[in-house]
Amino acid sequence: MSPRTRQLLERARAVVGFGGDDSNAADPPGDDEGADRIWLLGWWLALLAPLVVPWVVVRTTSATLVFPWGMVTVESWHVVSLPGYLDATHGLPRYLRMWPFGALCYALTLAWAAGERIGADQRVTAGLLVLAAITAAWMASGLGVDPNRTAIPLGSILLFALAVWAYVRA
């Protein structure tokens, strides 16, 4: 088990009342590597969740789900990729120009998180996730200005929670 993971486990044990020692009877002997793998799998599943959780849900007469890779109109299940959207539109307002920037920040987050295994700083992962969360919130705030439209920034909440997790891991 890595020293950082051991330290986080000791903190968690102290919070839930198991104490800070490593001699807890609930720990199977020699299973530290398995626990590390499970923890790492959970981290990567959480880090990939923004690919399937909409960053912004736009409600009008129907709903549109905005993802980092494109948007889906729920009524007709029509999918528009991010590159296709950018090719078809010109002169976008600033809040819509934040969408590709947020997607880029998220892509860099995934690349940087992969680099953590070879020593990349985890705080950069957290910072990139915060930038992606800000762009999703900015986009939702711009889309929600119209009185007949509601924009819910689900992605901002998820991305910010992941940023906190990444920062705590650092």
N, C-alpha and C. Protein backbone atom coordinates (compact mmCIF):
# COMPACT_ATOMS: atom_id res chain seq x y z
N MET A 1 0.86 -1.18 0.00
CA MET A 1 0.00 0.00 0.00
C MET A 1 0.90 1.23 0.00
N SER A 2 0.56 2.20 -0.82
CA SER A 2 1.36 3.42 -0.88
C SER A 2 1.23 4.20 0.42
N PRO A 3 2.25 4.99 0.76
CA PRO A 3 2.18 5.77 2.00
C PRO A 3 1.00 6.74 2.02
N ARG A 4 0.69 7.32 0.89
CA ARG A 4 -0.42 8.28 0.83
C ARG A 4 -1.76 7.57 1.08
N THR A 5 -1.94 6.40 0.48
CA THR A 5 -3.17 5.65 0.70
C THR A 5 -3.27 5.21 2.15
N ARG A 6 -2.15 4.78 2.72
CA ARG A 6 -2.13 4.38 4.13
C ARG A 6 -2.54 5.55 5.02
N GLN A 7 -2.01 6.74 4.71
CA GLN A 7 -2.34 7.94 5.50
C GLN A 7 -3.83 8.26 5.38
N LEU A 8 -4.40 8.17 4.18
CA LEU A 8 -5.82 8.44 4.00
C LEU A 8 -6.68 7.42 4.75
N LEU A 9 -6.27 6.15 4.72
CA LEU A 9 -7.01 5.13 5.46
C LEU A 9 -6.95 5.37 6.96
N GLU A 10 -5.79 5.82 7.46
CA GLU A 10 -5.68 6.12 8.89
C GLU A 10 -6.59 7.27 9.28
N ARG A 11 -6.65 8.30 8.43
CA ARG A 11 -7.56 9.42 8.70
C ARG A 11 -9.02 8.95 8.72
N ALA A 12 -9.39 8.12 7.74
CA ALA A 12 -10.77 7.63 7.67
C ALA A 12 -11.10 6.78 8.89
N ARG A 13 -10.16 5.95 9.31
CA ARG A 13 -10.40 5.13 10.50
C ARG A 13 -10.58 6.00 11.74
N ALA A 14 -9.79 7.06 11.84
CA ALA A 14 -9.91 7.95 12.99
C ALA A 14 -11.28 8.63 13.00
N VAL A 15 -11.78 8.99 11.83
CA VAL A 15 -13.07 9.67 11.75
C VAL A 15 -14.21 8.73 12.15
N VAL A 16 -14.16 7.49 11.69
CA VAL A 16 -15.25 6.56 11.99
C VAL A 16 -15.05 5.79 13.29
N GLY A 17 -13.95 6.07 14.00
CA GLY A 17 -13.77 5.52 15.33
C GLY A 17 -12.96 4.25 15.41
N PHE A 18 -12.23 3.89 14.37
CA PHE A 18 -11.39 2.70 14.45
C PHE A 18 -10.01 3.01 15.00
N GLY A 19 -9.70 4.28 15.19
CA GLY A 19 -8.36 4.64 15.65
C GLY A 19 -7.41 4.75 14.48
N GLY A 20 -6.21 5.22 14.74
CA GLY A 20 -5.26 5.46 13.66
C GLY A 20 -4.27 4.34 13.45
N ASP A 21 -4.32 3.25 14.24
CA ASP A 21 -3.34 2.20 14.06
C ASP A 21 -3.71 1.33 12.87
N ASP A 22 -2.73 0.60 12.40
CA ASP A 22 -2.93 -0.26 11.23
C ASP A 22 -3.21 -1.70 11.62
N SER A 23 -3.44 -1.96 12.90
CA SER A 23 -3.63 -3.33 13.36
C SER A 23 -5.11 -3.67 13.51
N ASN A 24 -5.94 -3.09 12.70
CA ASN A 24 -7.37 -3.36 12.78
C ASN A 24 -7.63 -4.80 12.34
N ALA A 25 -8.41 -5.52 13.11
CA ALA A 25 -8.68 -6.93 12.81
C ALA A 25 -9.51 -7.10 11.55
N ALA A 26 -10.18 -6.03 11.11
CA ALA A 26 -11.01 -6.13 9.91
C ALA A 26 -10.17 -6.16 8.64
N ASP A 27 -8.90 -5.77 8.72
CA ASP A 27 -8.03 -5.78 7.55
C ASP A 27 -7.49 -7.18 7.32
N PRO A 28 -7.74 -7.77 6.16
CA PRO A 28 -7.14 -9.06 5.90
C PRO A 28 -5.63 -8.90 5.72
N PRO A 29 -4.84 -9.80 6.26
CA PRO A 29 -3.40 -9.68 6.14
C PRO A 29 -2.96 -9.84 4.69
N GLY A 30 -2.04 -8.97 4.27
CA GLY A 30 -1.46 -9.07 2.94
C GLY A 30 -2.36 -8.62 1.81
N ASP A 31 -3.46 -7.96 2.10
CA ASP A 31 -4.40 -7.55 1.06
C ASP A 31 -4.26 -6.07 0.72
N ASP A 32 -3.12 -5.46 1.05
CA ASP A 32 -2.94 -4.03 0.80
C ASP A 32 -2.94 -3.72 -0.70
N GLU A 33 -2.32 -4.57 -1.50
CA GLU A 33 -2.28 -4.33 -2.94
C GLU A 33 -3.67 -4.42 -3.55
N GLY A 34 -4.47 -5.36 -3.09
CA GLY A 34 -5.85 -5.48 -3.58
C GLY A 34 -6.68 -4.27 -3.22
N ALA A 35 -6.49 -3.73 -2.02
CA ALA A 35 -7.22 -2.53 -1.61
C ALA A 35 -6.81 -1.34 -2.47
N ASP A 36 -5.51 -1.25 -2.77
CA ASP A 36 -5.04 -0.17 -3.65
C ASP A 36 -5.68 -0.27 -5.03
N ARG A 37 -5.78 -1.47 -5.55
CA ARG A 37 -6.38 -1.65 -6.88
C ARG A 37 -7.86 -1.28 -6.88
N ILE A 38 -8.57 -1.70 -5.84
CA ILE A 38 -10.00 -1.37 -5.75
C ILE A 38 -10.19 0.14 -5.62
N TRP A 39 -9.36 0.77 -4.80
CA TRP A 39 -9.45 2.22 -4.63
C TRP A 39 -9.17 2.94 -5.94
N LEU A 40 -8.13 2.48 -6.67
CA LEU A 40 -7.77 3.09 -7.94
C LEU A 40 -8.87 2.88 -8.98
N LEU A 41 -9.48 1.72 -8.99
CA LEU A 41 -10.60 1.45 -9.91
C LEU A 41 -11.76 2.39 -9.61
N GLY A 42 -12.07 2.58 -8.34
CA GLY A 42 -13.14 3.50 -7.96
C GLY A 42 -12.85 4.92 -8.39
N TRP A 43 -11.58 5.34 -8.25
CA TRP A 43 -11.19 6.69 -8.67
C TRP A 43 -11.38 6.85 -10.17
N TRP A 44 -10.95 5.87 -10.95
CA TRP A 44 -11.08 5.99 -12.40
C TRP A 44 -12.54 5.92 -12.86
N LEU A 45 -13.35 5.11 -12.21
CA LEU A 45 -14.77 5.08 -12.56
C LEU A 45 -15.42 6.43 -12.26
N ALA A 46 -15.06 7.02 -11.14
CA ALA A 46 -15.59 8.35 -10.81
C ALA A 46 -15.08 9.39 -11.78
N LEU A 47 -13.81 9.29 -12.17
CA LEU A 47 -13.23 10.27 -13.09
C LEU A 47 -13.82 10.17 -14.49
N LEU A 48 -14.29 8.99 -14.87
CA LEU A 48 -14.92 8.82 -16.18
C LEU A 48 -16.42 9.13 -16.16
N ALA A 49 -17.00 9.29 -14.99
CA ALA A 49 -18.44 9.57 -14.87
C ALA A 49 -18.88 10.82 -15.64
N PRO A 50 -18.08 11.91 -15.71
CA PRO A 50 -18.54 13.07 -16.48
C PRO A 50 -18.73 12.82 -17.97
N LEU A 51 -18.30 11.68 -18.46
CA LEU A 51 -18.57 11.34 -19.86
C LEU A 51 -20.01 10.89 -20.06
N VAL A 52 -20.65 10.39 -19.00
CA VAL A 52 -22.03 9.89 -19.13
C VAL A 52 -23.04 10.70 -18.33
N VAL A 53 -22.58 11.54 -17.43
CA VAL A 53 -23.47 12.43 -16.68
C VAL A 53 -23.52 13.76 -17.42
N PRO A 54 -24.71 14.27 -17.75
CA PRO A 54 -24.77 15.54 -18.49
C PRO A 54 -24.17 16.68 -17.68
N TRP A 55 -23.38 17.51 -18.36
CA TRP A 55 -22.79 18.67 -17.69
C TRP A 55 -23.86 19.73 -17.46
N VAL A 56 -24.75 19.88 -18.44
CA VAL A 56 -25.85 20.84 -18.31
C VAL A 56 -27.11 20.17 -18.86
N VAL A 57 -28.20 20.28 -18.12
CA VAL A 57 -29.51 19.83 -18.58
C VAL A 57 -30.31 21.09 -18.89
N VAL A 58 -30.68 21.26 -20.16
CA VAL A 58 -31.43 22.44 -20.59
C VAL A 58 -32.88 22.02 -20.80
N ARG A 59 -33.78 22.66 -20.06
CA ARG A 59 -35.22 22.34 -20.15
C ARG A 59 -35.94 23.49 -20.84
N THR A 60 -36.62 23.16 -21.92
CA THR A 60 -37.56 24.08 -22.58
C THR A 60 -38.84 23.28 -22.71
N THR A 61 -39.38 23.17 -23.91
CA THR A 61 -40.52 22.28 -24.11
C THR A 61 -40.07 20.82 -24.09
N SER A 62 -38.80 20.58 -24.37
CA SER A 62 -38.19 19.26 -24.22
C SER A 62 -36.88 19.48 -23.46
N ALA A 63 -36.05 18.48 -23.43
CA ALA A 63 -34.78 18.60 -22.71
C ALA A 63 -33.62 18.35 -23.65
N THR A 64 -32.54 19.05 -23.40
CA THR A 64 -31.29 18.83 -24.11
C THR A 64 -30.22 18.56 -23.07
N LEU A 65 -29.45 17.51 -23.29
CA LEU A 65 -28.39 17.13 -22.38
C LEU A 65 -27.05 17.48 -23.02
N VAL A 66 -26.25 18.26 -22.32
CA VAL A 66 -24.95 18.68 -22.84
C VAL A 66 -23.86 17.87 -22.14
N PHE A 67 -23.07 17.17 -22.92
CA PHE A 67 -21.96 16.35 -22.43
C PHE A 67 -20.66 16.96 -22.94
N PRO A 68 -19.50 16.51 -22.47
CA PRO A 68 -18.26 17.06 -23.02
C PRO A 68 -18.02 16.64 -24.47
N TRP A 69 -18.64 15.59 -24.92
CA TRP A 69 -18.44 15.08 -26.27
C TRP A 69 -19.52 15.53 -27.25
N GLY A 70 -20.62 16.10 -26.78
CA GLY A 70 -21.70 16.54 -27.66
C GLY A 70 -22.97 16.79 -26.87
N MET A 71 -24.06 16.98 -27.60
CA MET A 71 -25.34 17.19 -26.92
C MET A 71 -26.40 16.28 -27.52
N VAL A 72 -27.38 15.94 -26.68
CA VAL A 72 -28.45 15.03 -27.06
C VAL A 72 -29.78 15.73 -26.79
N THR A 73 -30.63 15.80 -27.82
CA THR A 73 -31.99 16.29 -27.64
C THR A 73 -32.85 15.08 -27.28
N VAL A 74 -33.44 15.12 -26.10
CA VAL A 74 -34.13 13.94 -25.57
C VAL A 74 -35.38 13.60 -26.37
N GLU A 75 -36.12 14.59 -26.82
CA GLU A 75 -37.38 14.33 -27.53
C GLU A 75 -37.17 13.47 -28.77
N SER A 76 -36.17 13.79 -29.57
CA SER A 76 -35.94 13.05 -30.81
C SER A 76 -34.70 12.16 -30.73
N TRP A 77 -34.00 12.18 -29.62
CA TRP A 77 -32.75 11.46 -29.44
C TRP A 77 -31.75 11.80 -30.55
N HIS A 78 -31.73 13.06 -30.92
CA HIS A 78 -30.80 13.56 -31.92
C HIS A 78 -29.49 13.92 -31.22
N VAL A 79 -28.38 13.42 -31.75
CA VAL A 79 -27.07 13.66 -31.15
C VAL A 79 -26.26 14.57 -32.07
N VAL A 80 -25.67 15.60 -31.48
CA VAL A 80 -24.76 16.50 -32.21
C VAL A 80 -23.43 16.46 -31.48
N SER A 81 -22.38 16.08 -32.19
CA SER A 81 -21.06 16.04 -31.56
C SER A 81 -20.54 17.46 -31.36
N LEU A 82 -19.61 17.62 -30.46
CA LEU A 82 -19.03 18.94 -30.22
C LEU A 82 -18.35 19.49 -31.47
N PRO A 83 -17.52 18.71 -32.18
CA PRO A 83 -16.94 19.25 -33.42
C PRO A 83 -18.00 19.60 -34.47
N GLY A 84 -19.04 18.77 -34.59
CA GLY A 84 -20.12 19.06 -35.54
C GLY A 84 -20.85 20.34 -35.19
N TYR A 85 -21.05 20.57 -33.90
CA TYR A 85 -21.71 21.79 -33.43
C TYR A 85 -20.86 23.02 -33.76
N LEU A 86 -19.57 22.92 -33.50
CA LEU A 86 -18.68 24.06 -33.76
C LEU A 86 -18.55 24.35 -35.25
N ASP A 87 -18.60 23.30 -36.09
CA ASP A 87 -18.54 23.50 -37.54
C ASP A 87 -19.79 24.18 -38.07
N ALA A 88 -20.94 23.90 -37.47
CA ALA A 88 -22.21 24.41 -37.97
C ALA A 88 -22.55 25.79 -37.43
N THR A 89 -21.85 26.26 -36.43
CA THR A 89 -22.19 27.55 -35.82
C THR A 89 -20.99 28.48 -35.87
N HIS A 90 -21.28 29.77 -35.99
CA HIS A 90 -20.23 30.79 -35.97
C HIS A 90 -20.74 31.96 -35.15
N GLY A 91 -19.83 32.68 -34.54
CA GLY A 91 -20.21 33.84 -33.75
C GLY A 91 -20.98 33.49 -32.49
N LEU A 92 -20.56 32.44 -31.82
CA LEU A 92 -21.26 31.98 -30.62
C LEU A 92 -21.07 32.97 -29.47
N PRO A 93 -22.05 33.08 -28.59
CA PRO A 93 -21.85 33.89 -27.39
C PRO A 93 -20.77 33.25 -26.50
N ARG A 94 -20.21 34.05 -25.62
CA ARG A 94 -19.09 33.60 -24.80
C ARG A 94 -19.43 32.35 -23.97
N TYR A 95 -20.65 32.30 -23.43
CA TYR A 95 -20.98 31.15 -22.58
C TYR A 95 -21.00 29.84 -23.37
N LEU A 96 -21.28 29.89 -24.67
CA LEU A 96 -21.23 28.67 -25.48
C LEU A 96 -19.81 28.35 -25.95
N ARG A 97 -18.96 29.37 -26.01
CA ARG A 97 -17.56 29.12 -26.35
C ARG A 97 -16.81 28.48 -25.18
N MET A 98 -17.40 28.50 -24.00
CA MET A 98 -16.79 27.85 -22.84
C MET A 98 -16.90 26.33 -22.92
N TRP A 99 -17.88 25.84 -23.66
CA TRP A 99 -18.09 24.40 -23.76
C TRP A 99 -16.86 23.67 -24.30
N PRO A 100 -16.29 24.08 -25.45
CA PRO A 100 -15.09 23.37 -25.92
C PRO A 100 -13.90 23.53 -24.97
N PHE A 101 -13.81 24.68 -24.32
CA PHE A 101 -12.72 24.88 -23.36
C PHE A 101 -12.87 23.92 -22.17
N GLY A 102 -14.09 23.76 -21.69
CA GLY A 102 -14.35 22.82 -20.60
C GLY A 102 -14.05 21.38 -21.01
N ALA A 103 -14.43 21.03 -22.24
CA ALA A 103 -14.14 19.68 -22.74
C ALA A 103 -12.64 19.46 -22.85
N LEU A 104 -11.90 20.50 -23.27
CA LEU A 104 -10.45 20.40 -23.34
C LEU A 104 -9.85 20.23 -21.94
N CYS A 105 -10.33 21.01 -20.98
CA CYS A 105 -9.85 20.87 -19.59
C CYS A 105 -10.11 19.46 -19.07
N TYR A 106 -11.26 18.92 -19.39
CA TYR A 106 -11.59 17.56 -18.93
C TYR A 106 -10.68 16.53 -19.61
N ALA A 107 -10.44 16.68 -20.91
CA ALA A 107 -9.54 15.76 -21.61
C ALA A 107 -8.13 15.83 -21.03
N LEU A 108 -7.67 17.04 -20.72
CA LEU A 108 -6.37 17.19 -20.08
C LEU A 108 -6.36 16.58 -18.69
N THR A 109 -7.49 16.65 -18.00
CA THR A 109 -7.62 16.02 -16.68
C THR A 109 -7.38 14.52 -16.79
N LEU A 110 -8.00 13.89 -17.77
CA LEU A 110 -7.84 12.44 -17.93
C LEU A 110 -6.38 12.10 -18.26
N ALA A 111 -5.77 12.90 -19.13
CA ALA A 111 -4.37 12.64 -19.48
C ALA A 111 -3.47 12.84 -18.26
N TRP A 112 -3.71 13.90 -17.51
CA TRP A 112 -2.87 14.18 -16.34
C TRP A 112 -3.08 13.12 -15.27
N ALA A 113 -4.31 12.67 -15.08
CA ALA A 113 -4.58 11.63 -14.08
C ALA A 113 -3.87 10.33 -14.45
N ALA A 114 -3.78 10.04 -15.73
CA ALA A 114 -3.03 8.85 -16.15
C ALA A 114 -1.55 9.03 -15.83
N GLY A 115 -1.08 10.26 -15.93
CA GLY A 115 0.32 10.55 -15.60
C GLY A 115 0.64 10.50 -14.12
N GLU A 116 -0.38 10.50 -13.28
CA GLU A 116 -0.15 10.42 -11.83
C GLU A 116 0.57 9.13 -11.46
N ARG A 117 0.38 8.09 -12.23
CA ARG A 117 1.05 6.81 -11.94
C ARG A 117 2.56 6.92 -12.12
N ILE A 118 3.00 7.91 -12.89
CA ILE A 118 4.45 8.09 -13.09
C ILE A 118 4.95 9.35 -12.40
N GLY A 119 4.16 9.90 -11.49
CA GLY A 119 4.64 10.99 -10.66
C GLY A 119 4.08 12.37 -10.96
N ALA A 120 3.09 12.50 -11.83
CA ALA A 120 2.50 13.81 -12.10
C ALA A 120 1.76 14.31 -10.85
N ASP A 121 1.75 15.61 -10.66
CA ASP A 121 1.16 16.22 -9.47
C ASP A 121 -0.37 16.12 -9.51
N GLN A 122 -0.95 15.56 -8.47
CA GLN A 122 -2.40 15.37 -8.41
C GLN A 122 -3.14 16.69 -8.26
N ARG A 123 -2.46 17.73 -7.78
CA ARG A 123 -3.13 19.02 -7.63
C ARG A 123 -3.46 19.63 -8.99
N VAL A 124 -2.69 19.28 -10.01
CA VAL A 124 -3.00 19.76 -11.36
C VAL A 124 -4.31 19.12 -11.83
N THR A 125 -4.49 17.84 -11.52
CA THR A 125 -5.76 17.16 -11.84
C THR A 125 -6.92 17.90 -11.19
N ALA A 126 -6.76 18.26 -9.92
CA ALA A 126 -7.82 18.99 -9.21
C ALA A 126 -8.07 20.34 -9.86
N GLY A 127 -7.02 21.05 -10.22
CA GLY A 127 -7.18 22.37 -10.85
C GLY A 127 -7.89 22.29 -12.19
N LEU A 128 -7.54 21.30 -13.00
CA LEU A 128 -8.21 21.14 -14.29
C LEU A 128 -9.68 20.79 -14.11
N LEU A 129 -9.98 19.98 -13.11
CA LEU A 129 -11.39 19.66 -12.83
C LEU A 129 -12.16 20.90 -12.39
N VAL A 130 -11.53 21.76 -11.60
CA VAL A 130 -12.19 23.01 -11.19
C VAL A 130 -12.46 23.89 -12.41
N LEU A 131 -11.49 23.99 -13.32
CA LEU A 131 -11.70 24.78 -14.55
C LEU A 131 -12.87 24.21 -15.36
N ALA A 132 -12.93 22.90 -15.50
CA ALA A 132 -14.04 22.28 -16.23
C ALA A 132 -15.37 22.56 -15.53
N ALA A 133 -15.38 22.52 -14.20
CA ALA A 133 -16.61 22.81 -13.44
C ALA A 133 -17.05 24.25 -13.65
N ILE A 134 -16.09 25.17 -13.67
CA ILE A 134 -16.42 26.58 -13.88
C ILE A 134 -17.01 26.79 -15.27
N THR A 135 -16.44 26.14 -16.28
CA THR A 135 -16.97 26.32 -17.64
C THR A 135 -18.38 25.77 -17.76
N ALA A 136 -18.66 24.64 -17.10
CA ALA A 136 -20.02 24.08 -17.14
C ALA A 136 -21.00 25.01 -16.44
N ALA A 137 -20.59 25.58 -15.32
CA ALA A 137 -21.48 26.52 -14.61
C ALA A 137 -21.69 27.79 -15.43
N TRP A 138 -20.65 28.26 -16.09
CA TRP A 138 -20.75 29.46 -16.93
C TRP A 138 -21.72 29.20 -18.08
N MET A 139 -21.59 28.04 -18.69
CA MET A 139 -22.47 27.71 -19.80
C MET A 139 -23.92 27.62 -19.32
N ALA A 140 -24.14 26.99 -18.18
CA ALA A 140 -25.50 26.87 -17.64
C ALA A 140 -26.07 28.24 -17.28
N SER A 141 -25.24 29.12 -16.74
CA SER A 141 -25.74 30.45 -16.38
C SER A 141 -26.15 31.24 -17.62
N GLY A 142 -25.42 31.07 -18.72
CA GLY A 142 -25.79 31.75 -19.96
C GLY A 142 -27.03 31.15 -20.60
N LEU A 143 -27.13 29.83 -20.55
CA LEU A 143 -28.29 29.17 -21.14
C LEU A 143 -29.56 29.40 -20.34
N GLY A 144 -29.43 29.65 -19.05
CA GLY A 144 -30.59 29.83 -18.19
C GLY A 144 -31.14 31.24 -18.14
N VAL A 145 -30.58 32.17 -18.93
CA VAL A 145 -31.03 33.56 -18.91
C VAL A 145 -32.43 33.71 -19.50
N ASP A 146 -32.73 32.95 -20.53
CA ASP A 146 -34.04 33.02 -21.18
C ASP A 146 -35.12 32.57 -20.19
N PRO A 147 -36.21 33.35 -20.02
CA PRO A 147 -37.23 32.98 -19.04
C PRO A 147 -37.97 31.68 -19.38
N ASN A 148 -37.93 31.25 -20.62
CA ASN A 148 -38.61 30.01 -21.02
C ASN A 148 -37.67 28.81 -21.01
N ARG A 149 -36.49 29.00 -20.45
CA ARG A 149 -35.49 27.93 -20.48
C ARG A 149 -34.85 27.82 -19.10
N THR A 150 -34.65 26.61 -18.65
CA THR A 150 -33.97 26.34 -17.39
C THR A 150 -32.73 25.51 -17.68
N ALA A 151 -31.61 25.89 -17.09
CA ALA A 151 -30.38 25.14 -17.27
C ALA A 151 -29.87 24.69 -15.90
N ILE A 152 -29.68 23.40 -15.76
CA ILE A 152 -29.22 22.81 -14.50
C ILE A 152 -27.79 22.31 -14.68
N PRO A 153 -26.83 22.87 -13.93
CA PRO A 153 -25.42 22.50 -14.11
C PRO A 153 -25.01 21.25 -13.32
N LEU A 154 -25.52 20.09 -13.70
CA LEU A 154 -25.16 18.84 -13.01
C LEU A 154 -23.66 18.57 -13.07
N GLY A 155 -23.07 18.84 -14.22
CA GLY A 155 -21.65 18.57 -14.40
C GLY A 155 -20.78 19.39 -13.48
N SER A 156 -21.17 20.62 -13.19
CA SER A 156 -20.37 21.45 -12.29
C SER A 156 -20.29 20.83 -10.91
N ILE A 157 -21.41 20.31 -10.45
CA ILE A 157 -21.43 19.68 -9.12
C ILE A 157 -20.52 18.45 -9.11
N LEU A 158 -20.66 17.61 -10.12
CA LEU A 158 -19.85 16.40 -10.20
C LEU A 158 -18.37 16.73 -10.36
N LEU A 159 -18.05 17.64 -11.27
CA LEU A 159 -16.65 17.99 -11.52
C LEU A 159 -16.01 18.63 -10.29
N PHE A 160 -16.76 19.48 -9.59
CA PHE A 160 -16.20 20.09 -8.39
C PHE A 160 -15.98 19.04 -7.30
N ALA A 161 -16.91 18.11 -7.15
CA ALA A 161 -16.73 17.03 -6.16
C ALA A 161 -15.50 16.19 -6.50
N LEU A 162 -15.30 15.91 -7.77
CA LEU A 162 -14.10 15.17 -8.19
C LEU A 162 -12.84 15.98 -7.92
N ALA A 163 -12.91 17.30 -8.11
CA ALA A 163 -11.76 18.16 -7.83
C ALA A 163 -11.39 18.11 -6.35
N VAL A 164 -12.40 18.14 -5.50
CA VAL A 164 -12.14 18.05 -4.05
C VAL A 164 -11.49 16.70 -3.74
N TRP A 165 -12.02 15.64 -4.31
CA TRP A 165 -11.45 14.30 -4.09
C TRP A 165 -10.00 14.25 -4.57
N ALA A 166 -9.74 14.80 -5.76
CA ALA A 166 -8.38 14.79 -6.29
C ALA A 166 -7.44 15.61 -5.41
N TYR A 167 -7.93 16.72 -4.88
CA TYR A 167 -7.08 17.56 -4.03
C TYR A 167 -6.80 16.88 -2.70
N VAL A 168 -7.79 16.20 -2.14
CA VAL A 168 -7.59 15.48 -0.88
C VAL A 168 -6.59 14.35 -1.08
N ARG A 169 -6.61 13.74 -2.25
CA ARG A 169 -5.66 12.66 -2.56
C ARG A 169 -4.24 13.17 -2.65
N ALA A 170 -4.07 14.46 -3.02
CA ALA A 170 -2.72 15.01 -3.27
C ALA A 170 -1.89 15.09 -2.02
